PDB file of all heavy atoms in Angstrom:
ATOM      1  N   VAL A   1       0.857  -1.200  -0.001  1.00  0.00           N
ATOM      2  CA  VAL A   1      -0.005  -0.005  -0.003  1.00  0.00           C
ATOM      3  C   VAL A   1       0.886   1.235  -0.006  1.00  0.00           C
ATOM      4  O   VAL A   1       1.812   1.344   0.799  1.00  0.00           O
ATOM      5  CB  VAL A   1      -0.928   0.050   1.236  1.00  0.00           C
ATOM      6  CG1 VAL A   1      -1.759   1.330   1.236  1.00  0.00           C
ATOM      7  CG2 VAL A   1      -1.826  -1.161   1.319  1.00  0.00           C
ATOM      8  N   GLU A   2       0.604   2.145  -0.915  1.00  0.00           N
ATOM      9  CA  GLU A   2       1.263   3.454  -0.931  1.00  0.00           C
ATOM     10  C   GLU A   2       0.170   4.504  -0.853  1.00  0.00           C
ATOM     11  O   GLU A   2      -0.840   4.408  -1.551  1.00  0.00           O
ATOM     12  CB  GLU A   2       2.055   3.656  -2.222  1.00  0.00           C
ATOM     13  CG  GLU A   2       3.228   2.732  -2.388  1.00  0.00           C
ATOM     14  CD  GLU A   2       3.929   2.904  -3.720  1.00  0.00           C
ATOM     15  OE1 GLU A   2       3.797   3.989  -4.350  1.00  0.00           O
ATOM     16  OE2 GLU A   2       4.592   1.936  -4.146  1.00  0.00           O
ATOM     17  N   VAL A   3       0.370   5.480   0.011  1.00  0.00           N
ATOM     18  CA  VAL A   3      -0.568   6.595   0.121  1.00  0.00           C
ATOM     19  C   VAL A   3       0.223   7.881   0.062  1.00  0.00           C
ATOM     20  O   VAL A   3       1.130   8.098   0.855  1.00  0.00           O
ATOM     21  CB  VAL A   3      -1.387   6.538   1.443  1.00  0.00           C
ATOM     22  CG1 VAL A   3      -2.339   7.733   1.528  1.00  0.00           C
ATOM     23  CG2 VAL A   3      -2.156   5.232   1.555  1.00  0.00           C
ATOM     24  N   GLN A   4      -0.112   8.736  -0.883  1.00  0.00           N
ATOM     25  CA  GLN A   4       0.523  10.043  -1.025  1.00  0.00           C
ATOM     26  C   GLN A   4      -0.493  11.116  -0.722  1.00  0.00           C
ATOM     27  O   GLN A   4      -1.581  11.125  -1.306  1.00  0.00           O
ATOM     28  CB  GLN A   4       1.023  10.251  -2.451  1.00  0.00           C
ATOM     29  CG  GLN A   4       2.300   9.583  -2.792  1.00  0.00           C
ATOM     30  CD  GLN A   4       2.732   9.985  -4.182  1.00  0.00           C
ATOM     31  OE1 GLN A   4       1.960   9.910  -5.127  1.00  0.00           O
ATOM     32  NE2 GLN A   4       3.973  10.430  -4.314  1.00  0.00           N
ATOM     33  N   ASP A   5      -0.117  11.996   0.163  1.00  0.00           N
ATOM     34  CA  ASP A   5      -0.932  13.180   0.466  1.00  0.00           C
ATOM     35  C   ASP A   5      -0.619  14.203  -0.615  1.00  0.00           C
ATOM     36  O   ASP A   5       0.545  14.427  -0.926  1.00  0.00           O
ATOM     37  CB  ASP A   5      -0.535  13.693   1.851  1.00  0.00           C
ATOM     38  CG  ASP A   5      -1.459  14.771   2.360  1.00  0.00           C
ATOM     39  OD1 ASP A   5      -2.343  15.213   1.612  1.00  0.00           O
ATOM     40  OD2 ASP A   5      -1.275  15.190   3.507  1.00  0.00           O
ATOM     41  N   ASN A   6      -1.638  14.793  -1.235  1.00  0.00           N
ATOM     42  CA  ASN A   6      -1.429  15.772  -2.302  1.00  0.00           C
ATOM     43  C   ASN A   6      -1.930  17.169  -1.870  1.00  0.00           C
ATOM     44  O   ASN A   6      -2.908  17.662  -2.411  1.00  0.00           O
ATOM     45  CB  ASN A   6      -2.178  15.351  -3.578  1.00  0.00           C
ATOM     46  CG  ASN A   6      -1.485  14.254  -4.312  1.00  0.00           C
ATOM     47  OD1 ASN A   6      -0.274  14.145  -4.263  1.00  0.00           O
ATOM     48  ND2 ASN A   6      -2.250  13.437  -5.006  1.00  0.00           N
ATOM     49  N   PRO A   7      -1.253  17.780  -0.919  1.00  0.00           N
ATOM     50  CA  PRO A   7      -1.730  19.082  -0.431  1.00  0.00           C
ATOM     51  C   PRO A   7      -1.680  20.176  -1.494  1.00  0.00           C
ATOM     52  O   PRO A   7      -2.404  21.155  -1.398  1.00  0.00           O
ATOM     53  CB  PRO A   7      -0.804  19.401   0.748  1.00  0.00           C
ATOM     54  CG  PRO A   7       0.412  18.585   0.505  1.00  0.00           C
ATOM     55  CD  PRO A   7      -0.037  17.361  -0.267  1.00  0.00           C
ATOM     56  N   GLN A   8      -0.815  20.025  -2.501  1.00  0.00           N
ATOM     57  CA  GLN A   8      -0.761  21.044  -3.562  1.00  0.00           C
ATOM     58  C   GLN A   8      -2.060  21.065  -4.358  1.00  0.00           C
ATOM     59  O   GLN A   8      -2.431  22.090  -4.914  1.00  0.00           O
ATOM     60  CB  GLN A   8       0.454  20.845  -4.484  1.00  0.00           C
ATOM     61  CG  GLN A   8       0.421  19.634  -5.346  1.00  0.00           C
ATOM     62  CD  GLN A   8       0.896  18.347  -4.651  1.00  0.00           C
ATOM     63  OE1 GLN A   8       1.064  18.300  -3.431  1.00  0.00           O
ATOM     64  NE2 GLN A   8       1.091  17.297  -5.404  1.00  0.00           N
ATOM     65  N   LEU A   9      -2.748  19.942  -4.418  1.00  0.00           N
ATOM     66  CA  LEU A   9      -4.032  19.861  -5.117  1.00  0.00           C
ATOM     67  C   LEU A   9      -5.114  20.500  -4.234  1.00  0.00           C
ATOM     68  O   LEU A   9      -5.787  21.416  -4.660  1.00  0.00           O
ATOM     69  CB  LEU A   9      -4.359  18.394  -5.419  1.00  0.00           C
ATOM     70  CG  LEU A   9      -5.436  18.122  -6.433  1.00  0.00           C
ATOM     71  CD1 LEU A   9      -5.089  18.754  -7.778  1.00  0.00           C
ATOM     72  CD2 LEU A   9      -5.625  16.624  -6.593  1.00  0.00           C
ATOM     73  N   CYS A  10      -5.242  19.987  -3.027  1.00  0.00           N
ATOM     74  CA  CYS A  10      -6.143  20.556  -2.009  1.00  0.00           C
ATOM     75  C   CYS A  10      -5.967  19.764  -0.735  1.00  0.00           C
ATOM     76  O   CYS A  10      -5.467  18.639  -0.749  1.00  0.00           O
ATOM     77  CB  CYS A  10      -7.592  20.561  -2.453  1.00  0.00           C
ATOM     78  SG  CYS A  10      -8.321  18.950  -2.603  1.00  0.00           S
ATOM     79  N   ARG A  11      -6.374  20.325   0.364  1.00  0.00           N
ATOM     80  CA  ARG A  11      -6.292  19.637   1.651  1.00  0.00           C
ATOM     81  C   ARG A  11      -7.247  18.451   1.636  1.00  0.00           C
ATOM     82  O   ARG A  11      -8.391  18.573   1.228  1.00  0.00           O
ATOM     83  CB  ARG A  11      -6.668  20.628   2.760  1.00  0.00           C
ATOM     84  CG  ARG A  11      -6.381  20.131   4.130  1.00  0.00           C
ATOM     85  CD  ARG A  11      -6.479  21.293   5.111  1.00  0.00           C
ATOM     86  NE  ARG A  11      -6.395  20.778   6.444  1.00  0.00           N
ATOM     87  CZ  ARG A  11      -7.412  20.703   7.290  1.00  0.00           C
ATOM     88  NH1 ARG A  11      -8.584  21.132   6.926  1.00  0.00           N
ATOM     89  NH2 ARG A  11      -7.245  20.208   8.487  1.00  0.00           N
ATOM     90  N   GLY A  12      -6.783  17.281   2.056  1.00  0.00           N
ATOM     91  CA  GLY A  12      -7.633  16.101   2.049  1.00  0.00           C
ATOM     92  C   GLY A  12      -7.629  15.381   0.711  1.00  0.00           C
ATOM     93  O   GLY A  12      -8.528  14.611   0.408  1.00  0.00           O
ATOM     94  N   SER A  13      -6.595  15.618  -0.091  1.00  0.00           N
ATOM     95  CA  SER A  13      -6.460  14.978  -1.398  1.00  0.00           C
ATOM     96  C   SER A  13      -5.380  13.908  -1.314  1.00  0.00           C
ATOM     97  O   SER A  13      -4.268  14.167  -0.848  1.00  0.00           O
ATOM     98  CB  SER A  13      -6.087  16.037  -2.441  1.00  0.00           C
ATOM     99  OG  SER A  13      -5.830  15.426  -3.671  1.00  0.00           O
ATOM    100  N   PHE A  14      -5.711  12.687  -1.771  1.00  0.00           N
ATOM    101  CA  PHE A  14      -4.778  11.568  -1.659  1.00  0.00           C
ATOM    102  C   PHE A  14      -4.704  10.790  -2.968  1.00  0.00           C
ATOM    103  O   PHE A  14      -5.684  10.694  -3.709  1.00  0.00           O
ATOM    104  CB  PHE A  14      -5.209  10.600  -0.552  1.00  0.00           C
ATOM    105  CG  PHE A  14      -5.200  11.214   0.814  1.00  0.00           C
ATOM    106  CD1 PHE A  14      -6.324  11.794   1.332  1.00  0.00           C
ATOM    107  CD2 PHE A  14      -4.040  11.189   1.576  1.00  0.00           C
ATOM    108  CE1 PHE A  14      -6.316  12.360   2.601  1.00  0.00           C
ATOM    109  CE2 PHE A  14      -4.027  11.757   2.838  1.00  0.00           C
ATOM    110  CZ  PHE A  14      -5.167  12.344   3.357  1.00  0.00           C
ATOM    111  N   ARG A  15      -3.527  10.212  -3.188  1.00  0.00           N
ATOM    112  CA  ARG A  15      -3.298   9.274  -4.288  1.00  0.00           C
ATOM    113  C   ARG A  15      -2.913   7.947  -3.614  1.00  0.00           C
ATOM    114  O   ARG A  15      -1.966   7.932  -2.803  1.00  0.00           O
ATOM    115  CB  ARG A  15      -2.169   9.776  -5.175  1.00  0.00           C
ATOM    116  CG  ARG A  15      -1.821   8.831  -6.292  1.00  0.00           C
ATOM    117  CD  ARG A  15      -0.728   9.409  -7.149  1.00  0.00           C
ATOM    118  NE  ARG A  15      -1.249  10.599  -7.832  1.00  0.00           N
ATOM    119  CZ  ARG A  15      -0.490  11.601  -8.237  1.00  0.00           C
ATOM    120  NH1 ARG A  15       0.792  11.598  -8.022  1.00  0.00           N
ATOM    121  NH2 ARG A  15      -1.029  12.626  -8.856  1.00  0.00           N
ATOM    122  N   ILE A  16      -3.638   6.875  -3.921  1.00  0.00           N
ATOM    123  CA  ILE A  16      -3.346   5.598  -3.289  1.00  0.00           C
ATOM    124  C   ILE A  16      -3.057   4.519  -4.338  1.00  0.00           C
ATOM    125  O   ILE A  16      -3.584   4.552  -5.445  1.00  0.00           O
ATOM    126  CB  ILE A  16      -4.472   5.144  -2.344  1.00  0.00           C
ATOM    127  CG1 ILE A  16      -5.770   4.902  -3.080  1.00  0.00           C
ATOM    128  CG2 ILE A  16      -4.676   6.140  -1.218  1.00  0.00           C
ATOM    129  CD1 ILE A  16      -6.835   4.244  -2.250  1.00  0.00           C
ATOM    130  N   PHE A  17      -2.207   3.585  -3.943  1.00  0.00           N
ATOM    131  CA  PHE A  17      -1.842   2.438  -4.765  1.00  0.00           C
ATOM    132  C   PHE A  17      -1.931   1.214  -3.851  1.00  0.00           C
ATOM    133  O   PHE A  17      -1.276   1.171  -2.806  1.00  0.00           O
ATOM    134  CB  PHE A  17      -0.424   2.632  -5.316  1.00  0.00           C
ATOM    135  CG  PHE A  17       0.112   1.442  -6.046  1.00  0.00           C
ATOM    136  CD1 PHE A  17      -0.557   0.908  -7.122  1.00  0.00           C
ATOM    137  CD2 PHE A  17       1.297   0.854  -5.637  1.00  0.00           C
ATOM    138  CE1 PHE A  17      -0.055  -0.198  -7.813  1.00  0.00           C
ATOM    139  CE2 PHE A  17       1.801  -0.250  -6.306  1.00  0.00           C
ATOM    140  CZ  PHE A  17       1.123  -0.782  -7.397  1.00  0.00           C
ATOM    141  N   VAL A  18      -2.790   0.259  -4.221  1.00  0.00           N
ATOM    142  CA  VAL A  18      -3.026  -0.918  -3.389  1.00  0.00           C
ATOM    143  C   VAL A  18      -2.850  -2.181  -4.210  1.00  0.00           C
ATOM    144  O   VAL A  18      -3.409  -2.313  -5.296  1.00  0.00           O
ATOM    145  CB  VAL A  18      -4.460  -0.901  -2.789  1.00  0.00           C
ATOM    146  CG1 VAL A  18      -4.662  -2.089  -1.840  1.00  0.00           C
ATOM    147  CG2 VAL A  18      -4.740   0.398  -2.061  1.00  0.00           C
ATOM    148  N   VAL A  19      -2.089  -3.136  -3.661  1.00  0.00           N
ATOM    149  CA  VAL A  19      -1.913  -4.451  -4.265  1.00  0.00           C
ATOM    150  C   VAL A  19      -2.500  -5.471  -3.301  1.00  0.00           C
ATOM    151  O   VAL A  19      -2.069  -5.567  -2.150  1.00  0.00           O
ATOM    152  CB  VAL A  19      -0.417  -4.762  -4.497  1.00  0.00           C
ATOM    153  CG1 VAL A  19      -0.246  -6.154  -5.086  1.00  0.00           C
ATOM    154  CG2 VAL A  19       0.222  -3.708  -5.387  1.00  0.00           C
ATOM    155  N   SER A  20      -3.511  -6.208  -3.780  1.00  0.00           N
ATOM    156  CA  SER A  20      -4.174  -7.187  -2.918  1.00  0.00           C
ATOM    157  C   SER A  20      -4.722  -8.352  -3.745  1.00  0.00           C
ATOM    158  O   SER A  20      -5.268  -8.140  -4.824  1.00  0.00           O
ATOM    159  CB  SER A  20      -5.337  -6.526  -2.157  1.00  0.00           C
ATOM    160  OG  SER A  20      -6.046  -7.503  -1.416  1.00  0.00           O
ATOM    161  N   GLY A  21      -4.602  -9.539  -3.206  1.00  0.00           N
ATOM    162  CA  GLY A  21      -5.174 -10.719  -3.833  1.00  0.00           C
ATOM    163  C   GLY A  21      -6.704 -10.665  -3.864  1.00  0.00           C
ATOM    164  O   GLY A  21      -7.323 -11.347  -4.688  1.00  0.00           O
ATOM    165  N   ILE A  22      -7.288  -9.873  -3.022  1.00  0.00           N
ATOM    166  CA  ILE A  22      -8.757  -9.724  -2.987  1.00  0.00           C
ATOM    167  C   ILE A  22      -9.267  -9.183  -4.318  1.00  0.00           C
ATOM    168  O   ILE A  22     -10.408  -9.425  -4.697  1.00  0.00           O
ATOM    169  CB  ILE A  22      -9.165  -8.805  -1.824  1.00  0.00           C
ATOM    170  CG1 ILE A  22      -8.923  -9.521  -0.482  1.00  0.00           C
ATOM    171  CG2 ILE A  22     -10.617  -8.360  -1.940  1.00  0.00           C
ATOM    172  CD1 ILE A  22      -9.204  -8.680   0.729  1.00  0.00           C
ATOM    173  N   PHE A  23      -8.405  -8.500  -5.066  1.00  0.00           N
ATOM    174  CA  PHE A  23      -8.811  -7.885  -6.342  1.00  0.00           C
ATOM    175  C   PHE A  23      -8.881  -8.875  -7.506  1.00  0.00           C
ATOM    176  O   PHE A  23      -9.366  -8.511  -8.568  1.00  0.00           O
ATOM    177  CB  PHE A  23      -7.868  -6.749  -6.707  1.00  0.00           C
ATOM    178  CG  PHE A  23      -7.852  -5.606  -5.725  1.00  0.00           C
ATOM    179  CD1 PHE A  23      -6.671  -4.924  -5.485  1.00  0.00           C
ATOM    180  CD2 PHE A  23      -8.978  -5.212  -5.048  1.00  0.00           C
ATOM    181  CE1 PHE A  23      -6.615  -3.860  -4.605  1.00  0.00           C
ATOM    182  CE2 PHE A  23      -8.955  -4.158  -4.153  1.00  0.00           C
ATOM    183  CZ  PHE A  23      -7.773  -3.471  -3.932  1.00  0.00           C
ATOM    184  N   ARG A  24      -8.398 -10.088  -7.304  1.00  0.00           N
ATOM    185  CA  ARG A  24      -8.400 -11.067  -8.418  1.00  0.00           C
ATOM    186  C   ARG A  24      -9.829 -11.276  -8.946  1.00  0.00           C
ATOM    187  O   ARG A  24     -10.752 -11.495  -8.177  1.00  0.00           O
ATOM    188  CB  ARG A  24      -7.838 -12.404  -7.953  1.00  0.00           C
ATOM    189  CG  ARG A  24      -6.357 -12.398  -7.750  1.00  0.00           C
ATOM    190  CD  ARG A  24      -5.833 -13.794  -7.377  1.00  0.00           C
ATOM    191  NE  ARG A  24      -4.433 -13.733  -7.069  1.00  0.00           N
ATOM    192  CZ  ARG A  24      -3.937 -13.745  -5.832  1.00  0.00           C
ATOM    193  NH1 ARG A  24      -4.734 -13.839  -4.787  1.00  0.00           N
ATOM    194  NH2 ARG A  24      -2.635 -13.678  -5.636  1.00  0.00           N
ATOM    195  N   GLY A  25      -9.960 -11.179 -10.265  1.00  0.00           N
ATOM    196  CA  GLY A  25     -11.241 -11.427 -10.915  1.00  0.00           C
ATOM    197  C   GLY A  25     -12.202 -10.249 -10.888  1.00  0.00           C
ATOM    198  O   GLY A  25     -13.316 -10.359 -11.388  1.00  0.00           O
ATOM    199  N   LEU A  26     -11.799  -9.143 -10.286  1.00  0.00           N
ATOM    200  CA  LEU A  26     -12.690  -7.982 -10.189  1.00  0.00           C
ATOM    201  C   LEU A  26     -12.288  -6.919 -11.228  1.00  0.00           C
ATOM    202  O   LEU A  26     -11.126  -6.727 -11.524  1.00  0.00           O
ATOM    203  CB  LEU A  26     -12.605  -7.361  -8.797  1.00  0.00           C
ATOM    204  CG  LEU A  26     -13.036  -8.240  -7.630  1.00  0.00           C
ATOM    205  CD1 LEU A  26     -12.877  -7.486  -6.313  1.00  0.00           C
ATOM    206  CD2 LEU A  26     -14.457  -8.746  -7.800  1.00  0.00           C
ATOM    207  N   LYS A  27     -13.300  -6.231 -11.710  1.00  0.00           N
ATOM    208  CA  LYS A  27     -13.070  -5.108 -12.618  1.00  0.00           C
ATOM    209  C   LYS A  27     -12.640  -3.891 -11.792  1.00  0.00           C
ATOM    210  O   LYS A  27     -12.826  -3.861 -10.576  1.00  0.00           O
ATOM    211  CB  LYS A  27     -14.342  -4.792 -13.391  1.00  0.00           C
ATOM    212  CG  LYS A  27     -14.781  -5.919 -14.321  1.00  0.00           C
ATOM    213  CD  LYS A  27     -16.004  -5.521 -15.107  1.00  0.00           C
ATOM    214  CE  LYS A  27     -16.528  -6.634 -15.962  1.00  0.00           C
ATOM    215  NZ  LYS A  27     -15.688  -7.051 -17.027  1.00  0.00           N
ATOM    216  N   THR A  28     -12.089  -2.895 -12.462  1.00  0.00           N
ATOM    217  CA  THR A  28     -11.567  -1.711 -11.782  1.00  0.00           C
ATOM    218  C   THR A  28     -12.601  -1.058 -10.882  1.00  0.00           C
ATOM    219  O   THR A  28     -12.309  -0.730  -9.726  1.00  0.00           O
ATOM    220  CB  THR A  28     -11.057  -0.681 -12.819  1.00  0.00           C
ATOM    221  OG1 THR A  28     -10.042  -1.317 -13.606  1.00  0.00           O
ATOM    222  CG2 THR A  28     -10.488   0.538 -12.140  1.00  0.00           C
ATOM    223  N   LEU A  29     -13.813  -0.883 -11.362  1.00  0.00           N
ATOM    224  CA  LEU A  29     -14.855  -0.234 -10.564  1.00  0.00           C
ATOM    225  C   LEU A  29     -15.148  -1.039  -9.286  1.00  0.00           C
ATOM    226  O   LEU A  29     -15.308  -0.474  -8.203  1.00  0.00           O
ATOM    227  CB  LEU A  29     -16.129  -0.042 -11.380  1.00  0.00           C
ATOM    228  CG  LEU A  29     -17.278   0.674 -10.666  1.00  0.00           C
ATOM    229  CD1 LEU A  29     -16.852   2.067 -10.209  1.00  0.00           C
ATOM    230  CD2 LEU A  29     -18.484   0.781 -11.582  1.00  0.00           C
ATOM    231  N   GLN A  30     -15.182  -2.374  -9.404  1.00  0.00           N
ATOM    232  CA  GLN A  30     -15.426  -3.219  -8.238  1.00  0.00           C
ATOM    233  C   GLN A  30     -14.279  -3.076  -7.224  1.00  0.00           C
ATOM    234  O   GLN A  30     -14.525  -3.051  -6.007  1.00  0.00           O
ATOM    235  CB  GLN A  30     -15.576  -4.674  -8.659  1.00  0.00           C
ATOM    236  CG  GLN A  30     -16.817  -4.928  -9.499  1.00  0.00           C
ATOM    237  CD  GLN A  30     -16.802  -6.310 -10.147  1.00  0.00           C
ATOM    238  OE1 GLN A  30     -15.815  -6.707 -10.741  1.00  0.00           O
ATOM    239  NE2 GLN A  30     -17.913  -7.026  -9.997  1.00  0.00           N
ATOM    240  N   ARG A  31     -13.068  -2.993  -7.711  1.00  0.00           N
ATOM    241  CA  ARG A  31     -11.908  -2.819  -6.839  1.00  0.00           C
ATOM    242  C   ARG A  31     -11.989  -1.493  -6.108  1.00  0.00           C
ATOM    243  O   ARG A  31     -11.748  -1.415  -4.900  1.00  0.00           O
ATOM    244  CB  ARG A  31     -10.614  -2.871  -7.653  1.00  0.00           C
ATOM    245  CG  ARG A  31     -10.333  -4.217  -8.258  1.00  0.00           C
ATOM    246  CD  ARG A  31      -9.112  -4.148  -9.143  1.00  0.00           C
ATOM    247  NE  ARG A  31      -8.870  -5.423  -9.818  1.00  0.00           N
ATOM    248  CZ  ARG A  31      -7.754  -5.712 -10.466  1.00  0.00           C
ATOM    249  NH1 ARG A  31      -6.790  -4.803 -10.573  1.00  0.00           N
ATOM    250  NH2 ARG A  31      -7.603  -6.889 -11.029  1.00  0.00           N
ATOM    251  N   HIS A  32     -12.333  -0.440  -6.824  1.00  0.00           N
ATOM    252  CA  HIS A  32     -12.426   0.889  -6.217  1.00  0.00           C
ATOM    253  C   HIS A  32     -13.532   0.941  -5.177  1.00  0.00           C
ATOM    254  O   HIS A  32     -13.383   1.603  -4.146  1.00  0.00           O
ATOM    255  CB  HIS A  32     -12.593   1.954  -7.292  1.00  0.00           C
ATOM    256  CG  HIS A  32     -11.357   2.168  -8.111  1.00  0.00           C
ATOM    257  ND1 HIS A  32     -11.197   3.228  -8.960  1.00  0.00           N
ATOM    258  CD2 HIS A  32     -10.202   1.444  -8.202  1.00  0.00           C
ATOM    259  CE1 HIS A  32     -10.024   3.167  -9.538  1.00  0.00           C
ATOM    260  NE2 HIS A  32      -9.400   2.077  -9.100  1.00  0.00           N
ATOM    261  N   ARG A  33     -14.612   0.234  -5.429  1.00  0.00           N
ATOM    262  CA  ARG A  33     -15.694   0.195  -4.422  1.00  0.00           C
ATOM    263  C   ARG A  33     -15.212  -0.500  -3.151  1.00  0.00           C
ATOM    264  O   ARG A  33     -15.557  -0.076  -2.050  1.00  0.00           O
ATOM    265  CB  ARG A  33     -16.903  -0.525  -5.000  1.00  0.00           C
ATOM    266  CG  ARG A  33     -17.675   0.338  -5.965  1.00  0.00           C
ATOM    267  CD  ARG A  33     -18.899  -0.361  -6.492  1.00  0.00           C
ATOM    268  NE  ARG A  33     -19.630   0.514  -7.374  1.00  0.00           N
ATOM    269  CZ  ARG A  33     -20.400   0.109  -8.365  1.00  0.00           C
ATOM    270  NH1 ARG A  33     -20.557  -1.192  -8.594  1.00  0.00           N
ATOM    271  NH2 ARG A  33     -21.025   0.965  -9.135  1.00  0.00           N
ATOM    272  N   LEU A  34     -14.407  -1.569  -3.313  1.00  0.00           N
ATOM    273  CA  LEU A  34     -13.850  -2.238  -2.131  1.00  0.00           C
ATOM    274  C   LEU A  34     -12.948  -1.301  -1.337  1.00  0.00           C
ATOM    275  O   LEU A  34     -12.984  -1.295  -0.115  1.00  0.00           O
ATOM    276  CB  LEU A  34     -13.069  -3.490  -2.538  1.00  0.00           C
ATOM    277  CG  LEU A  34     -13.870  -4.724  -2.909  1.00  0.00           C
ATOM    278  CD1 LEU A  34     -12.937  -5.860  -3.352  1.00  0.00           C
ATOM    279  CD2 LEU A  34     -14.733  -5.185  -1.744  1.00  0.00           C
ATOM    280  N   VAL A  35     -12.134  -0.534  -2.043  1.00  0.00           N
ATOM    281  CA  VAL A  35     -11.268   0.439  -1.383  1.00  0.00           C
ATOM    282  C   VAL A  35     -12.117   1.472  -0.626  1.00  0.00           C
ATOM    283  O   VAL A  35     -11.865   1.758   0.540  1.00  0.00           O
ATOM    284  CB  VAL A  35     -10.319   1.136  -2.389  1.00  0.00           C
ATOM    285  CG1 VAL A  35      -9.625   2.342  -1.753  1.00  0.00           C
ATOM    286  CG2 VAL A  35      -9.313   0.141  -2.946  1.00  0.00           C
TER     287      VAL A  35
END
């Protein structure tokens, strides 16, 4: 898991990168809903 705070964009703005076996077989939208 990587989480970057992006204060230059706005306060409370984040960029995240997650690697998980739970995502196997799921489409991008389904993965994002899990997140």
